[in-house]
Amino acid sequence: EELHLYFRKHPPQRGGGWQNMAPARLALRVGFYSPIDFVPNVTAPALFVAADQDTLCPASVVRAASKLVGGSTEAEMLTLNCGHFGTYYDANFDQASEKMSSFFFANFDE
């Protein structure tokens, strides 16, 4: 099921015609990149979206990250009942999009 959803989001032409032009030297740094290191420095309101059946980025990891947001910064969590790629389709996509939109306008509409 997860694999079906992954391929469902890709166009018939591989990569939609996109070609990777990134320099090969970036491959030497990719193993050192850890997004979680930057979470304590977040100063804007943050919305974390997790999928409770996600095996690529488990909801427990997302939940832990949401608790690391720095200082008095507000962090909200939305957990969807799906796997990693299920967030891009159907009711889960609608739910996530609605939450993201309302979160954005509630926190950044000036």
N, C-alpha and C. Protein backbone atom coordinates (compact mmCIF):
# COMPACT_ATOMS: atom_id res chain seq x y z
N GLU A 1 0.83 -1.20 0.00
CA GLU A 1 0.00 0.00 0.00
C GLU A 1 0.87 1.25 0.00
N GLU A 2 1.87 1.29 0.86
CA GLU A 2 2.74 2.46 0.95
C GLU A 2 3.47 2.71 -0.37
N LEU A 3 3.94 1.66 -1.00
CA LEU A 3 4.63 1.79 -2.28
C LEU A 3 3.69 2.30 -3.36
N HIS A 4 2.45 1.82 -3.36
CA HIS A 4 1.45 2.29 -4.33
C HIS A 4 1.24 3.79 -4.18
N LEU A 5 1.12 4.28 -2.95
CA LEU A 5 0.92 5.71 -2.73
C LEU A 5 2.15 6.52 -3.16
N TYR A 6 3.32 5.98 -2.94
CA TYR A 6 4.54 6.65 -3.36
C TYR A 6 4.55 6.85 -4.87
N PHE A 7 4.29 5.79 -5.62
CA PHE A 7 4.32 5.89 -7.07
C PHE A 7 3.14 6.68 -7.62
N ARG A 8 2.05 6.74 -6.89
CA ARG A 8 0.88 7.49 -7.33
C ARG A 8 1.18 8.99 -7.44
N LYS A 9 2.10 9.48 -6.63
CA LYS A 9 2.40 10.91 -6.65
C LYS A 9 3.44 11.30 -7.70
N HIS A 10 3.93 10.35 -8.44
CA HIS A 10 4.93 10.65 -9.45
C HIS A 10 4.33 10.66 -10.86
N PRO A 11 4.79 11.58 -11.71
CA PRO A 11 4.28 11.65 -13.08
C PRO A 11 4.76 10.45 -13.91
N PRO A 12 4.06 10.18 -15.04
CA PRO A 12 4.45 9.05 -15.89
C PRO A 12 5.90 9.15 -16.39
N GLN A 13 6.34 10.36 -16.74
CA GLN A 13 7.73 10.54 -17.17
C GLN A 13 8.57 10.64 -15.90
N ARG A 14 9.56 9.80 -15.79
CA ARG A 14 10.38 9.74 -14.58
C ARG A 14 10.89 11.13 -14.19
N GLY A 15 10.59 11.51 -12.97
CA GLY A 15 11.03 12.80 -12.46
C GLY A 15 10.33 13.97 -13.12
N GLY A 16 9.29 13.71 -13.94
CA GLY A 16 8.61 14.80 -14.63
C GLY A 16 9.52 15.52 -15.60
N GLY A 17 10.63 14.89 -15.96
CA GLY A 17 11.60 15.50 -16.86
C GLY A 17 12.73 16.20 -16.11
N TRP A 18 12.63 16.25 -14.78
CA TRP A 18 13.64 16.91 -13.98
C TRP A 18 14.95 16.13 -14.02
N GLN A 19 16.07 16.83 -14.05
CA GLN A 19 17.39 16.19 -14.03
C GLN A 19 18.17 16.71 -12.83
N ASN A 20 18.79 15.81 -12.12
CA ASN A 20 19.59 16.18 -10.97
C ASN A 20 20.90 16.80 -11.45
N MET A 21 21.08 18.07 -11.14
CA MET A 21 22.30 18.78 -11.54
C MET A 21 23.12 19.18 -10.31
N ALA A 22 22.79 18.60 -9.15
CA ALA A 22 23.53 18.92 -7.93
C ALA A 22 24.95 18.37 -8.03
N PRO A 23 25.92 19.11 -7.52
CA PRO A 23 27.30 18.61 -7.58
C PRO A 23 27.48 17.35 -6.72
N ALA A 24 28.28 16.44 -7.18
CA ALA A 24 28.51 15.17 -6.49
C ALA A 24 29.10 15.38 -5.10
N ARG A 25 29.82 16.49 -4.90
CA ARG A 25 30.45 16.73 -3.59
C ARG A 25 29.42 16.85 -2.46
N LEU A 26 28.15 17.15 -2.81
CA LEU A 26 27.12 17.22 -1.78
C LEU A 26 26.89 15.87 -1.11
N ALA A 27 27.17 14.80 -1.82
CA ALA A 27 27.00 13.45 -1.26
C ALA A 27 27.91 13.24 -0.06
N LEU A 28 29.01 13.95 0.00
CA LEU A 28 29.94 13.82 1.12
C LEU A 28 29.39 14.45 2.40
N ARG A 29 28.42 15.38 2.26
CA ARG A 29 27.90 16.09 3.41
C ARG A 29 26.55 15.57 3.89
N VAL A 30 25.85 14.85 3.04
CA VAL A 30 24.48 14.47 3.35
C VAL A 30 24.35 13.67 4.65
N GLY A 31 25.31 12.86 4.96
CA GLY A 31 25.26 12.06 6.18
C GLY A 31 25.41 12.88 7.46
N PHE A 32 25.87 14.12 7.32
CA PHE A 32 26.07 14.98 8.48
C PHE A 32 24.90 15.92 8.73
N TYR A 33 23.93 15.93 7.82
CA TYR A 33 22.77 16.81 7.96
C TYR A 33 21.76 16.19 8.91
N SER A 34 21.39 16.94 9.92
CA SER A 34 20.42 16.46 10.89
C SER A 34 19.45 17.60 11.22
N PRO A 35 18.28 17.62 10.59
CA PRO A 35 17.33 18.72 10.81
C PRO A 35 16.98 18.94 12.28
N ILE A 36 16.98 17.88 13.07
CA ILE A 36 16.61 18.00 14.48
C ILE A 36 17.53 18.95 15.22
N ASP A 37 18.76 19.12 14.74
CA ASP A 37 19.71 20.03 15.39
C ASP A 37 19.24 21.48 15.36
N PHE A 38 18.39 21.82 14.40
CA PHE A 38 17.96 23.20 14.23
C PHE A 38 16.65 23.52 14.94
N VAL A 39 15.92 22.51 15.38
CA VAL A 39 14.60 22.71 15.99
C VAL A 39 14.65 23.62 17.22
N PRO A 40 15.61 23.48 18.13
CA PRO A 40 15.62 24.37 19.30
C PRO A 40 15.78 25.85 18.95
N ASN A 41 16.24 26.15 17.74
CA ASN A 41 16.43 27.54 17.32
C ASN A 41 15.20 28.15 16.65
N VAL A 42 14.15 27.37 16.49
CA VAL A 42 12.93 27.87 15.85
C VAL A 42 12.28 28.91 16.76
N THR A 43 11.99 30.09 16.20
CA THR A 43 11.38 31.16 16.99
C THR A 43 9.99 31.53 16.49
N ALA A 44 9.56 30.96 15.39
CA ALA A 44 8.22 31.22 14.85
C ALA A 44 7.30 30.08 15.27
N PRO A 45 5.99 30.34 15.34
CA PRO A 45 5.06 29.25 15.63
C PRO A 45 5.28 28.11 14.63
N ALA A 46 5.20 26.89 15.11
CA ALA A 46 5.51 25.74 14.25
C ALA A 46 4.39 24.71 14.30
N LEU A 47 4.09 24.16 13.14
CA LEU A 47 3.11 23.08 13.04
C LEU A 47 3.86 21.83 12.59
N PHE A 48 3.76 20.78 13.36
CA PHE A 48 4.38 19.50 13.02
C PHE A 48 3.28 18.56 12.56
N VAL A 49 3.48 17.95 11.40
CA VAL A 49 2.49 17.02 10.84
C VAL A 49 3.13 15.64 10.81
N ALA A 50 2.45 14.67 11.41
CA ALA A 50 2.97 13.31 11.47
C ALA A 50 1.92 12.33 10.97
N ALA A 51 2.39 11.18 10.54
CA ALA A 51 1.50 10.09 10.13
C ALA A 51 1.74 8.93 11.09
N ASP A 52 0.67 8.46 11.72
CA ASP A 52 0.86 7.47 12.79
C ASP A 52 1.31 6.09 12.30
N GLN A 53 1.27 5.85 10.98
CA GLN A 53 1.75 4.58 10.43
C GLN A 53 3.01 4.79 9.58
N ASP A 54 3.67 5.91 9.77
CA ASP A 54 4.85 6.27 8.99
C ASP A 54 6.05 5.46 9.46
N THR A 55 6.68 4.75 8.53
CA THR A 55 7.87 3.98 8.86
C THR A 55 9.15 4.71 8.45
N LEU A 56 9.03 5.79 7.66
CA LEU A 56 10.19 6.57 7.25
C LEU A 56 10.55 7.63 8.29
N CYS A 57 9.54 8.27 8.81
CA CYS A 57 9.72 9.28 9.86
C CYS A 57 8.61 9.07 10.89
N PRO A 58 8.85 8.19 11.85
CA PRO A 58 7.81 7.82 12.81
C PRO A 58 7.21 9.01 13.56
N ALA A 59 5.92 8.90 13.86
CA ALA A 59 5.22 9.97 14.58
C ALA A 59 5.90 10.27 15.92
N SER A 60 6.48 9.27 16.54
CA SER A 60 7.17 9.49 17.83
C SER A 60 8.35 10.44 17.67
N VAL A 61 9.03 10.37 16.54
CA VAL A 61 10.17 11.27 16.27
C VAL A 61 9.66 12.69 16.05
N VAL A 62 8.57 12.82 15.29
CA VAL A 62 7.98 14.14 15.04
C VAL A 62 7.49 14.74 16.36
N ARG A 63 6.84 13.95 17.18
CA ARG A 63 6.34 14.41 18.48
C ARG A 63 7.51 14.89 19.35
N ALA A 64 8.59 14.13 19.38
CA ALA A 64 9.77 14.53 20.16
C ALA A 64 10.34 15.84 19.64
N ALA A 65 10.38 16.00 18.33
CA ALA A 65 10.89 17.23 17.73
C ALA A 65 10.02 18.42 18.13
N SER A 66 8.71 18.22 18.15
CA SER A 66 7.81 19.33 18.50
C SER A 66 8.05 19.83 19.92
N LYS A 67 8.55 18.97 20.78
CA LYS A 67 8.82 19.35 22.17
C LYS A 67 10.17 20.06 22.33
N LEU A 68 10.96 20.06 21.26
CA LEU A 68 12.28 20.70 21.32
C LEU A 68 12.26 22.14 20.82
N VAL A 69 11.12 22.60 20.31
CA VAL A 69 11.04 23.96 19.79
C VAL A 69 11.41 24.93 20.90
N GLY A 70 12.25 25.90 20.55
CA GLY A 70 12.83 26.78 21.56
C GLY A 70 11.92 27.72 22.29
N GLY A 71 12.30 28.04 23.50
CA GLY A 71 11.69 29.07 24.33
C GLY A 71 10.19 29.01 24.45
N SER A 72 9.57 30.18 24.25
CA SER A 72 8.11 30.29 24.39
C SER A 72 7.41 30.11 23.04
N THR A 73 8.12 29.62 22.07
CA THR A 73 7.54 29.41 20.74
C THR A 73 6.42 28.38 20.81
N GLU A 74 5.31 28.70 20.17
CA GLU A 74 4.18 27.78 20.15
C GLU A 74 4.38 26.71 19.09
N ALA A 75 4.19 25.46 19.48
CA ALA A 75 4.28 24.35 18.54
C ALA A 75 3.00 23.53 18.64
N GLU A 76 2.42 23.23 17.49
CA GLU A 76 1.22 22.39 17.43
C GLU A 76 1.57 21.11 16.70
N MET A 77 0.77 20.09 16.94
CA MET A 77 1.01 18.78 16.35
C MET A 77 -0.28 18.28 15.72
N LEU A 78 -0.18 17.80 14.49
CA LEU A 78 -1.30 17.15 13.81
C LEU A 78 -0.83 15.74 13.46
N THR A 79 -1.57 14.74 13.90
CA THR A 79 -1.24 13.36 13.58
C THR A 79 -2.35 12.79 12.71
N LEU A 80 -1.96 12.27 11.55
CA LEU A 80 -2.90 11.70 10.60
C LEU A 80 -2.86 10.18 10.67
N ASN A 81 -3.98 9.55 10.37
CA ASN A 81 -4.09 8.09 10.40
C ASN A 81 -3.71 7.53 9.03
N CYS A 82 -2.40 7.46 8.76
CA CYS A 82 -1.93 6.97 7.46
C CYS A 82 -0.42 6.72 7.56
N GLY A 83 0.15 6.29 6.44
CA GLY A 83 1.59 6.13 6.33
C GLY A 83 2.21 7.40 5.77
N HIS A 84 3.50 7.38 5.53
CA HIS A 84 4.25 8.55 5.09
C HIS A 84 3.65 9.20 3.85
N PHE A 85 3.39 8.44 2.81
CA PHE A 85 2.91 9.00 1.56
C PHE A 85 1.40 9.19 1.53
N GLY A 86 0.70 8.65 2.50
CA GLY A 86 -0.74 8.83 2.58
C GLY A 86 -1.14 10.26 2.88
N THR A 87 -0.20 11.07 3.36
CA THR A 87 -0.51 12.47 3.67
C THR A 87 -0.76 13.29 2.42
N TYR A 88 -0.40 12.78 1.26
CA TYR A 88 -0.53 13.54 0.01
C TYR A 88 -1.84 13.29 -0.72
N TYR A 89 -2.72 12.47 -0.19
CA TYR A 89 -3.91 12.08 -0.93
C TYR A 89 -5.18 12.13 -0.10
N ASP A 90 -6.27 12.31 -0.83
CA ASP A 90 -7.61 12.11 -0.32
C ASP A 90 -7.89 12.87 0.98
N ALA A 91 -8.61 12.23 1.90
CA ALA A 91 -9.04 12.91 3.13
C ALA A 91 -7.86 13.36 3.99
N ASN A 92 -6.78 12.59 4.01
CA ASN A 92 -5.61 12.99 4.80
C ASN A 92 -5.00 14.27 4.25
N PHE A 93 -4.92 14.37 2.93
CA PHE A 93 -4.40 15.59 2.30
C PHE A 93 -5.31 16.78 2.63
N ASP A 94 -6.62 16.55 2.53
CA ASP A 94 -7.57 17.62 2.84
C ASP A 94 -7.43 18.08 4.29
N GLN A 95 -7.32 17.13 5.20
CA GLN A 95 -7.19 17.45 6.62
C GLN A 95 -5.89 18.21 6.89
N ALA A 96 -4.80 17.74 6.32
CA ALA A 96 -3.50 18.40 6.53
C ALA A 96 -3.51 19.79 5.92
N SER A 97 -4.04 19.92 4.71
CA SER A 97 -4.07 21.23 4.04
C SER A 97 -4.91 22.23 4.81
N GLU A 98 -6.07 21.79 5.29
CA GLU A 98 -6.94 22.67 6.08
C GLU A 98 -6.22 23.13 7.35
N LYS A 99 -5.57 22.20 8.04
CA LYS A 99 -4.86 22.55 9.28
C LYS A 99 -3.70 23.50 8.98
N MET A 100 -2.95 23.22 7.92
CA MET A 100 -1.82 24.09 7.57
C MET A 100 -2.30 25.50 7.23
N SER A 101 -3.38 25.59 6.46
CA SER A 101 -3.92 26.90 6.08
C SER A 101 -4.40 27.67 7.31
N SER A 102 -5.19 27.02 8.15
CA SER A 102 -5.71 27.72 9.33
C SER A 102 -4.58 28.10 10.28
N PHE A 103 -3.58 27.24 10.41
CA PHE A 103 -2.43 27.54 11.26
C PHE A 103 -1.67 28.76 10.72
N PHE A 104 -1.46 28.78 9.42
CA PHE A 104 -0.73 29.89 8.79
C PHE A 104 -1.46 31.21 9.03
N PHE A 105 -2.76 31.24 8.72
CA PHE A 105 -3.50 32.49 8.85
C PHE A 105 -3.69 32.91 10.31
N ALA A 106 -3.77 31.96 11.21
CA ALA A 106 -3.90 32.29 12.64
C ALA A 106 -2.60 32.87 13.21
N ASN A 107 -1.48 32.44 12.66
CA ASN A 107 -0.19 32.85 13.22
C ASN A 107 0.58 33.88 12.42
N PHE A 108 0.30 34.01 11.14
CA PHE A 108 1.12 34.88 10.30
C PHE A 108 0.33 35.90 9.50
N ASP A 109 -0.95 36.02 9.74
CA ASP A 109 -1.78 36.96 8.99
C ASP A 109 -1.73 38.33 9.66
N GLU A 110 -0.95 39.23 9.09
CA GLU A 110 -0.85 40.58 9.65
C GLU A 110 -1.12 41.61 8.59
